[in-house]
Amino acid sequence: MAYKITENCAACGSCIDECPVGAISEGDIYKIDPNLCIDCGACADACPMGAIVQA
């Protein structure tokens, strides 16, 4: 089960460097590629907004 980034994303970049497989792409609201996500949860732990949840 991949993670997803909700509309609460502040595009702060805290999650980008935490993803070991590079599944997160930048934008107004960041996005996680579900085909690359390995469900490790590192991004969710790093998000100060609580904007990353399991899909």
Protein backbone atom coordinates (compact mmCIF):
# COMPACT_ATOMS: atom_id res chain seq x y z
CA MET A 1 0.00 0.00 0.00
CA ALA A 2 1.64 3.21 -1.18
CA TYR A 3 1.55 6.55 0.59
CA LYS A 4 -0.10 9.66 -0.85
CA ILE A 5 0.27 13.37 -0.18
CA THR A 6 -2.91 15.25 0.72
CA GLU A 7 -3.96 18.83 0.03
CA ASN A 8 -2.43 19.79 3.40
CA CYS A 9 1.01 19.69 1.72
CA ALA A 10 2.91 22.95 2.16
CA ALA A 11 5.52 21.96 -0.47
CA CYS A 12 8.26 22.46 2.13
CA GLY A 13 10.51 19.70 0.77
CA SER A 14 10.99 17.82 4.06
CA CYS A 15 9.91 14.54 2.48
CA ILE A 16 12.01 14.61 -0.70
CA ASP A 17 15.36 13.63 0.79
CA GLU A 18 13.76 11.02 3.05
CA CYS A 19 12.45 8.88 0.18
CA PRO A 20 15.01 6.12 -0.50
CA VAL A 21 13.61 5.38 -3.97
CA GLY A 22 12.94 8.89 -5.30
CA ALA A 23 9.18 8.38 -5.55
CA ILE A 24 8.28 11.98 -4.61
CA SER A 25 8.03 14.71 -7.23
CA GLU A 26 7.83 18.45 -6.55
CA GLY A 27 4.96 20.77 -7.40
CA ASP A 28 2.43 23.06 -5.71
CA ILE A 29 1.44 19.89 -3.88
CA TYR A 30 4.05 17.14 -4.00
CA LYS A 31 3.11 13.76 -5.43
CA ILE A 32 4.21 10.20 -4.69
CA ASP A 33 4.46 7.74 -7.57
CA PRO A 34 2.61 4.65 -6.27
CA ASN A 35 4.58 2.43 -8.65
CA LEU A 36 7.86 3.48 -7.02
CA CYS A 37 6.72 3.79 -3.39
CA ILE A 38 8.00 0.93 -1.21
CA ASP A 39 5.70 1.76 1.72
CA CYS A 40 8.54 2.54 4.13
CA GLY A 41 6.82 5.54 5.76
CA ALA A 42 9.96 7.69 5.93
CA CYS A 43 8.20 10.53 4.11
CA ALA A 44 5.24 10.49 6.48
CA ASP A 45 7.57 10.61 9.49
CA ALA A 46 9.38 13.62 7.98
CA CYS A 47 6.27 15.65 7.10
CA PRO A 48 5.70 18.51 9.57
CA MET A 49 2.19 19.08 8.23
CA GLY A 50 0.96 15.49 8.61
CA ALA A 51 0.05 15.63 4.93
CA ILE A 52 1.31 12.16 3.98
CA VAL A 53 -1.00 9.22 4.61
CA GLN A 54 -1.30 5.62 3.50
CA ALA A 55 -3.37 5.31 0.34
